[in-house]
Amino acid sequence: MTSPDTPPAPTAAPRPADREVLTWDVFAVAVRDLARQVVASGFVPDVVVAVARGGLVPGGAVAYALGTKGVGTMNVEFYTDIGRTLPDPRVLPPLMDTAELSGANVLVVDDVADSGRTLQLVMEMLDGHGAQVRSAVLYTKPASIFEPDYSWRRTDRWITFPWSAEPPVEGAVVAKA
């Protein structure tokens, strides 16, 4: 029983039915599952390339799960807001040094293959440097034009990731596209 001075117990914010919400705990399970898929396929990556920004956290986690010490990033901008994109994905600086990738096994990791255009761009760029390239994502959307080699889950809903669920810290400089 509560007194008039006792605030009501906090309740969880409602989650819209059109959203898939990934928690940190479930993320840990997803990463281990992706790593198991890679191992089961026999592919042994020399380098994990995380597609920034959404693939940074999954890329690092997958690299740890696979014991891969070689990690790089490719910074690609496509989505500018929920459901809003640039006309085409574009690679942003700083550029990854791809000179050492010839003949390497490279695993590209991103958070989601939504349209698939970002992942397709990165895969084509790295493949053009003579690397054996495979891709892994947490989520694949039905409309993706690119089918990743490894995917944890398929969904047609918008995904809320734990690393991007909150807005930038007040006062942070936010670049506008």
N, C-alpha and C. Protein backbone atom coordinates (compact mmCIF):
# COMPACT_ATOMS: atom_id res chain seq x y z
N MET A 1 0.84 -1.17 0.00
CA MET A 1 0.00 0.00 0.00
C MET A 1 0.88 1.24 0.00
N THR A 2 0.48 2.25 -0.76
CA THR A 2 1.28 3.47 -0.83
C THR A 2 0.53 4.60 -0.15
N SER A 3 1.31 5.53 0.36
CA SER A 3 0.72 6.72 0.96
C SER A 3 0.60 7.78 -0.11
N PRO A 4 -0.13 8.85 0.14
CA PRO A 4 -0.25 9.92 -0.86
C PRO A 4 1.10 10.55 -1.18
N ASP A 5 2.09 10.42 -0.27
CA ASP A 5 3.40 11.01 -0.51
C ASP A 5 4.34 10.10 -1.29
N THR A 6 3.94 8.86 -1.48
CA THR A 6 4.79 7.90 -2.19
C THR A 6 4.51 7.99 -3.68
N PRO A 7 5.57 8.24 -4.46
CA PRO A 7 5.35 8.31 -5.91
C PRO A 7 5.00 6.93 -6.45
N PRO A 8 4.25 6.89 -7.53
CA PRO A 8 3.89 5.60 -8.11
C PRO A 8 5.15 4.87 -8.60
N ALA A 9 5.09 3.57 -8.63
CA ALA A 9 6.22 2.78 -9.12
C ALA A 9 6.44 3.09 -10.59
N PRO A 10 7.70 3.17 -10.99
CA PRO A 10 7.96 3.44 -12.41
C PRO A 10 7.48 2.28 -13.27
N THR A 11 7.00 2.62 -14.44
CA THR A 11 6.58 1.60 -15.39
C THR A 11 7.43 1.72 -16.64
N ALA A 12 7.60 0.64 -17.30
CA ALA A 12 8.38 0.66 -18.54
C ALA A 12 7.62 1.45 -19.60
N ALA A 13 8.38 2.18 -20.39
CA ALA A 13 7.76 2.93 -21.48
C ALA A 13 7.19 1.93 -22.48
N PRO A 14 6.02 2.23 -23.02
CA PRO A 14 5.45 1.30 -24.00
C PRO A 14 6.35 1.22 -25.23
N ARG A 15 6.41 0.04 -25.80
CA ARG A 15 7.20 -0.16 -27.01
C ARG A 15 6.26 -0.26 -28.19
N PRO A 16 6.44 0.59 -29.18
CA PRO A 16 5.56 0.50 -30.35
C PRO A 16 5.69 -0.88 -31.00
N ALA A 17 4.59 -1.39 -31.47
CA ALA A 17 4.55 -2.72 -32.07
C ALA A 17 5.39 -2.81 -33.33
N ASP A 18 5.68 -1.68 -33.95
CA ASP A 18 6.44 -1.71 -35.19
C ASP A 18 7.95 -1.64 -34.94
N ARG A 19 8.38 -1.80 -33.69
CA ARG A 19 9.80 -1.74 -33.36
C ARG A 19 10.29 -3.05 -32.79
N GLU A 20 11.50 -3.39 -33.18
CA GLU A 20 12.23 -4.50 -32.58
C GLU A 20 13.22 -3.83 -31.63
N VAL A 21 13.19 -4.19 -30.37
CA VAL A 21 14.07 -3.56 -29.38
C VAL A 21 15.12 -4.59 -28.96
N LEU A 22 16.37 -4.28 -29.25
CA LEU A 22 17.48 -5.15 -28.87
C LEU A 22 18.07 -4.62 -27.56
N THR A 23 18.14 -5.47 -26.56
CA THR A 23 18.73 -5.09 -25.28
C THR A 23 20.20 -5.51 -25.27
N TRP A 24 20.95 -4.99 -24.30
CA TRP A 24 22.36 -5.38 -24.17
C TRP A 24 22.47 -6.88 -23.91
N ASP A 25 21.61 -7.44 -23.08
CA ASP A 25 21.68 -8.86 -22.78
C ASP A 25 21.43 -9.72 -24.01
N VAL A 26 20.44 -9.37 -24.79
CA VAL A 26 20.14 -10.12 -26.00
C VAL A 26 21.22 -9.89 -27.06
N PHE A 27 21.79 -8.70 -27.08
CA PHE A 27 22.90 -8.40 -27.99
C PHE A 27 24.06 -9.39 -27.76
N ALA A 28 24.37 -9.66 -26.49
CA ALA A 28 25.45 -10.60 -26.18
C ALA A 28 25.16 -11.98 -26.75
N VAL A 29 23.92 -12.41 -26.68
CA VAL A 29 23.52 -13.71 -27.24
C VAL A 29 23.64 -13.66 -28.77
N ALA A 30 23.20 -12.57 -29.37
CA ALA A 30 23.23 -12.44 -30.83
C ALA A 30 24.66 -12.49 -31.37
N VAL A 31 25.58 -11.82 -30.70
CA VAL A 31 26.97 -11.79 -31.14
C VAL A 31 27.58 -13.18 -31.09
N ARG A 32 27.33 -13.91 -30.01
CA ARG A 32 27.86 -15.27 -29.89
C ARG A 32 27.27 -16.17 -30.99
N ASP A 33 26.00 -15.97 -31.30
CA ASP A 33 25.38 -16.76 -32.36
C ASP A 33 26.01 -16.45 -33.71
N LEU A 34 26.24 -15.17 -34.00
CA LEU A 34 26.91 -14.81 -35.25
C LEU A 34 28.29 -15.43 -35.33
N ALA A 35 29.04 -15.35 -34.23
CA ALA A 35 30.38 -15.93 -34.22
C ALA A 35 30.32 -17.45 -34.46
N ARG A 36 29.35 -18.12 -33.87
CA ARG A 36 29.20 -19.56 -34.08
C ARG A 36 28.89 -19.88 -35.54
N GLN A 37 28.08 -19.02 -36.18
CA GLN A 37 27.77 -19.22 -37.60
C GLN A 37 29.04 -19.13 -38.45
N VAL A 38 29.87 -18.14 -38.15
CA VAL A 38 31.12 -17.94 -38.89
C VAL A 38 32.02 -19.16 -38.70
N VAL A 39 32.21 -19.58 -37.46
CA VAL A 39 33.06 -20.74 -37.16
C VAL A 39 32.53 -21.99 -37.85
N ALA A 40 31.22 -22.22 -37.78
CA ALA A 40 30.61 -23.41 -38.39
C ALA A 40 30.81 -23.44 -39.90
N SER A 41 30.92 -22.27 -40.52
CA SER A 41 31.10 -22.21 -41.98
C SER A 41 32.53 -22.52 -42.40
N GLY A 42 33.47 -22.48 -41.43
CA GLY A 42 34.87 -22.72 -41.76
C GLY A 42 35.64 -21.47 -42.15
N PHE A 43 34.96 -20.34 -42.22
CA PHE A 43 35.63 -19.08 -42.58
C PHE A 43 36.38 -18.56 -41.36
N VAL A 44 37.67 -18.26 -41.53
CA VAL A 44 38.49 -17.75 -40.44
C VAL A 44 38.97 -16.35 -40.84
N PRO A 45 38.34 -15.30 -40.29
CA PRO A 45 38.72 -13.96 -40.68
C PRO A 45 40.07 -13.53 -40.11
N ASP A 46 40.88 -12.91 -40.98
CA ASP A 46 42.12 -12.27 -40.54
C ASP A 46 41.82 -10.89 -39.99
N VAL A 47 40.76 -10.29 -40.56
CA VAL A 47 40.38 -8.92 -40.21
C VAL A 47 38.86 -8.83 -40.12
N VAL A 48 38.38 -8.12 -39.12
CA VAL A 48 36.97 -7.76 -39.03
C VAL A 48 36.87 -6.28 -39.36
N VAL A 49 36.02 -5.94 -40.32
CA VAL A 49 35.79 -4.54 -40.67
C VAL A 49 34.39 -4.16 -40.21
N ALA A 50 34.34 -3.22 -39.28
CA ALA A 50 33.06 -2.73 -38.76
C ALA A 50 32.61 -1.55 -39.60
N VAL A 51 31.35 -1.57 -40.01
CA VAL A 51 30.80 -0.46 -40.78
C VAL A 51 30.29 0.57 -39.78
N ALA A 52 30.94 1.73 -39.76
CA ALA A 52 30.60 2.78 -38.80
C ALA A 52 29.41 3.59 -39.32
N ARG A 53 28.54 3.96 -38.42
CA ARG A 53 28.64 3.86 -36.99
C ARG A 53 27.93 2.65 -36.43
N GLY A 54 26.84 2.23 -37.04
CA GLY A 54 26.02 1.17 -36.47
C GLY A 54 26.74 -0.15 -36.26
N GLY A 55 27.74 -0.44 -37.06
CA GLY A 55 28.45 -1.70 -36.94
C GLY A 55 29.65 -1.66 -36.02
N LEU A 56 29.94 -0.50 -35.41
CA LEU A 56 31.12 -0.43 -34.54
C LEU A 56 31.03 -1.36 -33.34
N VAL A 57 29.94 -1.30 -32.61
CA VAL A 57 29.80 -2.14 -31.42
C VAL A 57 29.69 -3.62 -31.81
N PRO A 58 28.82 -3.97 -32.76
CA PRO A 58 28.77 -5.38 -33.16
C PRO A 58 30.09 -5.88 -33.75
N GLY A 59 30.77 -5.05 -34.53
CA GLY A 59 32.04 -5.46 -35.13
C GLY A 59 33.10 -5.78 -34.08
N GLY A 60 33.23 -4.92 -33.08
CA GLY A 60 34.19 -5.17 -32.01
C GLY A 60 33.82 -6.41 -31.23
N ALA A 61 32.54 -6.59 -30.94
CA ALA A 61 32.10 -7.74 -30.17
C ALA A 61 32.31 -9.04 -30.94
N VAL A 62 32.02 -9.04 -32.23
CA VAL A 62 32.23 -10.23 -33.05
C VAL A 62 33.72 -10.54 -33.15
N ALA A 63 34.56 -9.51 -33.30
CA ALA A 63 36.01 -9.74 -33.35
C ALA A 63 36.50 -10.41 -32.07
N TYR A 64 36.03 -9.94 -30.92
CA TYR A 64 36.39 -10.58 -29.65
C TYR A 64 35.89 -12.02 -29.59
N ALA A 65 34.65 -12.25 -30.01
CA ALA A 65 34.08 -13.58 -29.95
C ALA A 65 34.82 -14.57 -30.85
N LEU A 66 35.40 -14.06 -31.95
CA LEU A 66 36.14 -14.92 -32.87
C LEU A 66 37.63 -14.98 -32.54
N GLY A 67 38.08 -14.12 -31.63
CA GLY A 67 39.51 -14.06 -31.31
C GLY A 67 40.32 -13.38 -32.40
N THR A 68 39.66 -12.56 -33.21
CA THR A 68 40.32 -11.86 -34.31
C THR A 68 40.86 -10.53 -33.81
N LYS A 69 42.19 -10.34 -33.91
CA LYS A 69 42.79 -9.10 -33.41
C LYS A 69 42.83 -7.99 -34.46
N GLY A 70 42.82 -8.35 -35.73
CA GLY A 70 42.82 -7.36 -36.79
C GLY A 70 41.42 -6.77 -36.96
N VAL A 71 41.29 -5.48 -36.67
CA VAL A 71 39.99 -4.81 -36.77
C VAL A 71 40.17 -3.48 -37.49
N GLY A 72 39.27 -3.21 -38.42
CA GLY A 72 39.28 -1.93 -39.12
C GLY A 72 37.86 -1.38 -39.16
N THR A 73 37.74 -0.15 -39.64
CA THR A 73 36.42 0.45 -39.78
C THR A 73 36.30 1.10 -41.14
N MET A 74 35.09 1.10 -41.64
CA MET A 74 34.76 1.85 -42.84
C MET A 74 33.55 2.70 -42.48
N ASN A 75 33.70 4.00 -42.60
CA ASN A 75 32.66 4.94 -42.20
C ASN A 75 31.79 5.27 -43.41
N VAL A 76 30.55 4.80 -43.38
CA VAL A 76 29.63 5.01 -44.49
C VAL A 76 28.38 5.69 -43.96
N GLU A 77 27.96 6.74 -44.65
CA GLU A 77 26.74 7.45 -44.27
C GLU A 77 25.67 7.17 -45.32
N PHE A 78 24.47 6.80 -44.84
CA PHE A 78 23.35 6.60 -45.74
C PHE A 78 22.06 7.09 -45.08
N TYR A 79 21.75 6.56 -43.90
CA TYR A 79 20.55 6.99 -43.18
C TYR A 79 20.81 8.31 -42.47
N THR A 80 19.88 9.24 -42.64
CA THR A 80 20.00 10.53 -41.96
C THR A 80 19.00 10.66 -40.82
N ASP A 81 17.98 9.80 -40.80
CA ASP A 81 16.97 9.76 -39.74
C ASP A 81 16.13 8.51 -39.98
N ILE A 82 15.15 8.27 -39.14
CA ILE A 82 14.29 7.10 -39.33
C ILE A 82 13.60 7.21 -40.68
N GLY A 83 13.88 6.25 -41.55
CA GLY A 83 13.24 6.21 -42.86
C GLY A 83 13.74 7.24 -43.85
N ARG A 84 14.80 8.00 -43.51
CA ARG A 84 15.32 9.03 -44.42
C ARG A 84 16.77 8.71 -44.77
N THR A 85 17.04 8.71 -46.06
CA THR A 85 18.38 8.38 -46.53
C THR A 85 18.90 9.45 -47.48
N LEU A 86 20.21 9.41 -47.70
CA LEU A 86 20.81 10.18 -48.78
C LEU A 86 20.44 9.45 -50.08
N PRO A 87 20.64 10.08 -51.24
CA PRO A 87 20.34 9.39 -52.50
C PRO A 87 21.16 8.10 -52.65
N ASP A 88 22.41 8.11 -52.19
CA ASP A 88 23.28 6.95 -52.27
C ASP A 88 24.17 6.91 -51.03
N PRO A 89 24.59 5.73 -50.59
CA PRO A 89 25.53 5.68 -49.47
C PRO A 89 26.87 6.29 -49.91
N ARG A 90 27.56 6.91 -48.95
CA ARG A 90 28.86 7.51 -49.28
C ARG A 90 29.86 7.22 -48.18
N VAL A 91 31.08 6.94 -48.61
CA VAL A 91 32.16 6.67 -47.67
C VAL A 91 32.69 8.00 -47.16
N LEU A 92 32.85 8.08 -45.85
CA LEU A 92 33.34 9.30 -45.21
C LEU A 92 34.75 9.09 -44.69
N PRO A 93 35.52 10.18 -44.59
CA PRO A 93 36.83 10.05 -43.98
C PRO A 93 36.70 9.83 -42.48
N PRO A 94 37.70 9.28 -41.84
CA PRO A 94 38.98 8.83 -42.42
C PRO A 94 38.79 7.51 -43.16
N LEU A 95 39.54 7.38 -44.24
CA LEU A 95 39.43 6.18 -45.06
C LEU A 95 40.30 5.06 -44.49
N MET A 96 39.81 3.85 -44.61
CA MET A 96 40.55 2.69 -44.14
C MET A 96 41.68 2.38 -45.11
N ASP A 97 42.85 2.05 -44.59
CA ASP A 97 43.98 1.65 -45.42
C ASP A 97 43.73 0.21 -45.86
N THR A 98 43.44 0.02 -47.12
CA THR A 98 43.11 -1.30 -47.64
C THR A 98 44.29 -1.97 -48.34
N ALA A 99 45.46 -1.35 -48.30
CA ALA A 99 46.63 -1.88 -49.02
C ALA A 99 47.04 -3.27 -48.56
N GLU A 100 46.81 -3.60 -47.30
CA GLU A 100 47.24 -4.89 -46.74
C GLU A 100 46.18 -5.99 -46.85
N LEU A 101 45.07 -5.72 -47.51
CA LEU A 101 43.98 -6.69 -47.52
C LEU A 101 44.06 -7.74 -48.61
N SER A 102 44.93 -7.58 -49.57
CA SER A 102 45.00 -8.53 -50.68
C SER A 102 45.27 -9.93 -50.13
N GLY A 103 44.39 -10.87 -50.45
CA GLY A 103 44.52 -12.24 -50.01
C GLY A 103 44.03 -12.51 -48.60
N ALA A 104 43.62 -11.49 -47.89
CA ALA A 104 43.16 -11.66 -46.50
C ALA A 104 41.70 -12.11 -46.47
N ASN A 105 41.34 -12.83 -45.43
CA ASN A 105 39.95 -13.16 -45.15
C ASN A 105 39.37 -12.03 -44.32
N VAL A 106 38.37 -11.34 -44.86
CA VAL A 106 37.80 -10.17 -44.21
C VAL A 106 36.32 -10.41 -43.92
N LEU A 107 35.95 -10.18 -42.66
CA LEU A 107 34.55 -10.27 -42.27
C LEU A 107 34.04 -8.85 -42.03
N VAL A 108 33.07 -8.44 -42.83
CA VAL A 108 32.43 -7.13 -42.68
C VAL A 108 31.25 -7.29 -41.75
N VAL A 109 31.19 -6.45 -40.71
CA VAL A 109 30.11 -6.55 -39.72
C VAL A 109 29.35 -5.23 -39.67
N ASP A 110 28.02 -5.32 -39.72
CA ASP A 110 27.17 -4.14 -39.58
C ASP A 110 25.99 -4.52 -38.69
N ASP A 111 25.24 -3.51 -38.27
CA ASP A 111 24.10 -3.78 -37.41
C ASP A 111 22.93 -4.38 -38.17
N VAL A 112 22.65 -3.85 -39.37
CA VAL A 112 21.48 -4.28 -40.11
C VAL A 112 21.70 -4.14 -41.61
N ALA A 113 21.19 -5.11 -42.37
CA ALA A 113 21.10 -4.98 -43.82
C ALA A 113 19.66 -4.55 -44.07
N ASP A 114 19.44 -3.24 -44.11
CA ASP A 114 18.10 -2.69 -44.27
C ASP A 114 17.77 -2.64 -45.75
N SER A 115 18.28 -1.63 -46.44
CA SER A 115 18.15 -1.63 -47.90
C SER A 115 19.21 -2.53 -48.50
N GLY A 116 20.32 -2.72 -47.77
CA GLY A 116 21.43 -3.53 -48.25
C GLY A 116 22.44 -2.74 -49.06
N ARG A 117 22.13 -1.49 -49.35
CA ARG A 117 23.00 -0.69 -50.22
C ARG A 117 24.33 -0.35 -49.56
N THR A 118 24.33 -0.05 -48.28
CA THR A 118 25.59 0.25 -47.59
C THR A 118 26.49 -0.98 -47.58
N LEU A 119 25.92 -2.11 -47.18
CA LEU A 119 26.70 -3.34 -47.11
C LEU A 119 27.22 -3.74 -48.49
N GLN A 120 26.40 -3.59 -49.50
CA GLN A 120 26.83 -3.92 -50.86
C GLN A 120 28.01 -3.04 -51.28
N LEU A 121 27.96 -1.75 -50.97
CA LEU A 121 29.04 -0.82 -51.31
C LEU A 121 30.34 -1.25 -50.64
N VAL A 122 30.29 -1.53 -49.34
CA VAL A 122 31.49 -1.92 -48.60
C VAL A 122 32.04 -3.24 -49.14
N MET A 123 31.19 -4.21 -49.38
CA MET A 123 31.63 -5.51 -49.88
C MET A 123 32.32 -5.36 -51.24
N GLU A 124 31.74 -4.55 -52.12
CA GLU A 124 32.35 -4.35 -53.44
C GLU A 124 33.69 -3.65 -53.32
N MET A 125 33.78 -2.66 -52.43
CA MET A 125 35.05 -1.94 -52.25
C MET A 125 36.15 -2.87 -51.75
N LEU A 126 35.84 -3.70 -50.77
CA LEU A 126 36.85 -4.58 -50.20
C LEU A 126 37.19 -5.74 -51.13
N ASP A 127 36.19 -6.25 -51.83
CA ASP A 127 36.42 -7.31 -52.80
C ASP A 127 37.35 -6.82 -53.91
N GLY A 128 37.25 -5.56 -54.25
CA GLY A 128 38.10 -4.95 -55.27
C GLY A 128 39.56 -4.87 -54.87
N HIS A 129 39.87 -5.14 -53.61
CA HIS A 129 41.25 -5.11 -53.14
C HIS A 129 41.83 -6.53 -53.00
N GLY A 130 41.16 -7.50 -53.58
CA GLY A 130 41.68 -8.86 -53.59
C GLY A 130 41.47 -9.64 -52.31
N ALA A 131 40.58 -9.19 -51.45
CA ALA A 131 40.30 -9.90 -50.21
C ALA A 131 39.19 -10.92 -50.43
N GLN A 132 39.20 -11.96 -49.61
CA GLN A 132 38.08 -12.89 -49.54
C GLN A 132 37.13 -12.29 -48.50
N VAL A 133 35.97 -11.82 -48.94
CA VAL A 133 35.11 -11.03 -48.07
C VAL A 133 33.80 -11.75 -47.80
N ARG A 134 33.42 -11.77 -46.52
CA ARG A 134 32.11 -12.27 -46.10
C ARG A 134 31.47 -11.20 -45.22
N SER A 135 30.16 -11.32 -45.01
CA SER A 135 29.44 -10.29 -44.25
C SER A 135 28.60 -10.92 -43.15
N ALA A 136 28.48 -10.18 -42.04
CA ALA A 136 27.67 -10.61 -40.91
C ALA A 136 26.91 -9.41 -40.37
N VAL A 137 25.63 -9.61 -40.09
CA VAL A 137 24.79 -8.55 -39.53
C VAL A 137 23.92 -9.13 -38.42
N LEU A 138 23.50 -8.27 -37.53
CA LEU A 138 22.56 -8.70 -36.51
C LEU A 138 21.19 -8.95 -37.14
N TYR A 139 20.75 -8.04 -37.98
CA TYR A 139 19.41 -8.13 -38.58
C TYR A 139 19.48 -7.99 -40.10
N THR A 140 18.60 -8.72 -40.77
CA THR A 140 18.40 -8.57 -42.21
C THR A 140 16.93 -8.25 -42.44
N LYS A 141 16.69 -7.24 -43.26
CA LYS A 141 15.32 -6.86 -43.61
C LYS A 141 14.92 -7.54 -44.91
N PRO A 142 13.63 -7.84 -45.07
CA PRO A 142 13.17 -8.54 -46.28
C PRO A 142 13.46 -7.78 -47.58
N ALA A 143 13.51 -6.46 -47.53
CA ALA A 143 13.70 -5.66 -48.74
C ALA A 143 15.18 -5.46 -49.09
N SER A 144 16.09 -6.01 -48.32
CA SER A 144 17.52 -5.82 -48.58
C SER A 144 17.89 -6.36 -49.95
N ILE A 145 18.65 -5.56 -50.70
CA ILE A 145 19.11 -6.00 -52.02
C ILE A 145 20.36 -6.85 -51.90
N PHE A 146 20.92 -6.92 -50.69
CA PHE A 146 22.13 -7.70 -50.44
C PHE A 146 21.84 -8.73 -49.36
N GLU A 147 22.18 -9.98 -49.64
CA GLU A 147 21.97 -11.05 -48.67
C GLU A 147 23.28 -11.32 -47.93
N PRO A 148 23.34 -10.97 -46.65
CA PRO A 148 24.57 -11.21 -45.88
C PRO A 148 24.87 -12.70 -45.76
N ASP A 149 26.14 -13.03 -45.59
CA ASP A 149 26.53 -14.43 -45.41
C ASP A 149 26.04 -14.97 -44.07
N TYR A 150 26.04 -14.12 -43.06
CA TYR A 150 25.61 -14.52 -41.72
C TYR A 150 24.66 -13.46 -41.17
N SER A 151 23.55 -13.92 -40.61
CA SER A 151 22.58 -12.99 -40.04
C SER A 151 21.96 -13.65 -38.81
N TRP A 152 21.83 -12.87 -37.74
CA TRP A 152 21.25 -13.41 -36.52
C TRP A 152 19.73 -13.52 -36.60
N ARG A 153 19.08 -12.49 -37.14
CA ARG A 153 17.62 -12.48 -37.15
C ARG A 153 17.11 -11.68 -38.35
N ARG A 154 15.92 -12.06 -38.82
CA ARG A 154 15.22 -11.31 -39.88
C ARG A 154 14.05 -10.57 -39.25
N THR A 155 13.83 -9.35 -39.71
CA THR A 155 12.70 -8.56 -39.22
C THR A 155 12.31 -7.54 -40.27
N ASP A 156 11.05 -7.15 -40.26
CA ASP A 156 10.61 -6.07 -41.14
C ASP A 156 10.34 -4.81 -40.32
N ARG A 157 10.62 -4.86 -39.02
CA ARG A 157 10.36 -3.72 -38.14
C ARG A 157 11.60 -2.82 -38.01
N TRP A 158 11.36 -1.58 -37.58
CA TRP A 158 12.45 -0.67 -37.26
C TRP A 158 13.11 -1.21 -36.00
N ILE A 159 14.44 -1.12 -35.91
CA ILE A 159 15.17 -1.71 -34.79
C ILE A 159 15.73 -0.61 -33.90
N THR A 160 15.51 -0.75 -32.60
CA THR A 160 16.13 0.13 -31.63
C THR A 160 17.31 -0.63 -31.04
N PHE A 161 18.51 -0.13 -31.29
CA PHE A 161 19.73 -0.74 -30.78
C PHE A 161 20.11 -0.09 -29.45
N PRO A 162 20.70 -0.83 -28.53
CA PRO A 162 21.00 -0.26 -27.22
C PRO A 162 22.01 0.88 -27.28
N TRP A 163 22.90 0.90 -28.26
CA TRP A 163 23.92 1.95 -28.35
C TRP A 163 23.39 3.22 -29.02
N SER A 164 22.22 3.16 -29.61
CA SER A 164 21.69 4.37 -30.26
C SER A 164 20.27 4.68 -29.83
N ALA A 165 19.84 4.08 -28.73
CA ALA A 165 18.46 4.27 -28.26
C ALA A 165 18.22 5.66 -27.67
N GLU A 166 19.26 6.27 -27.14
CA GLU A 166 19.13 7.58 -26.50
C GLU A 166 19.65 8.67 -27.44
N PRO A 167 19.11 9.89 -27.34
CA PRO A 167 19.63 10.99 -28.16
C PRO A 167 21.03 11.38 -27.68
N PRO A 168 21.77 12.14 -28.49
CA PRO A 168 23.08 12.61 -28.03
C PRO A 168 22.95 13.38 -26.72
N VAL A 169 24.01 13.36 -25.95
CA VAL A 169 24.07 14.07 -24.67
C VAL A 169 23.86 15.56 -24.93
N GLU A 170 23.06 16.19 -24.10
CA GLU A 170 22.78 17.60 -24.28
C GLU A 170 24.09 18.40 -24.34
N GLY A 171 24.17 19.26 -25.32
CA GLY A 171 25.36 20.08 -25.51
C GLY A 171 26.38 19.45 -26.45
N ALA A 172 26.18 18.17 -26.83
CA ALA A 172 27.09 17.52 -27.75
C ALA A 172 26.93 18.14 -29.13
N VAL A 173 28.01 18.21 -29.85
CA VAL A 173 27.99 18.74 -31.20
C VAL A 173 27.46 17.65 -32.12
N VAL A 174 26.39 17.91 -32.81
CA VAL A 174 25.78 16.95 -33.70
C VAL A 174 25.89 17.51 -35.12
N ALA A 175 26.65 16.81 -35.96
CA ALA A 175 26.81 17.25 -37.35
C ALA A 175 25.53 16.99 -38.12
N LYS A 176 25.12 17.91 -38.90
CA LYS A 176 23.93 17.76 -39.74
C LYS A 176 24.37 17.47 -41.17
N ALA A 177 23.69 16.50 -41.79
CA ALA A 177 24.02 16.15 -43.17
C ALA A 177 23.38 17.13 -44.12
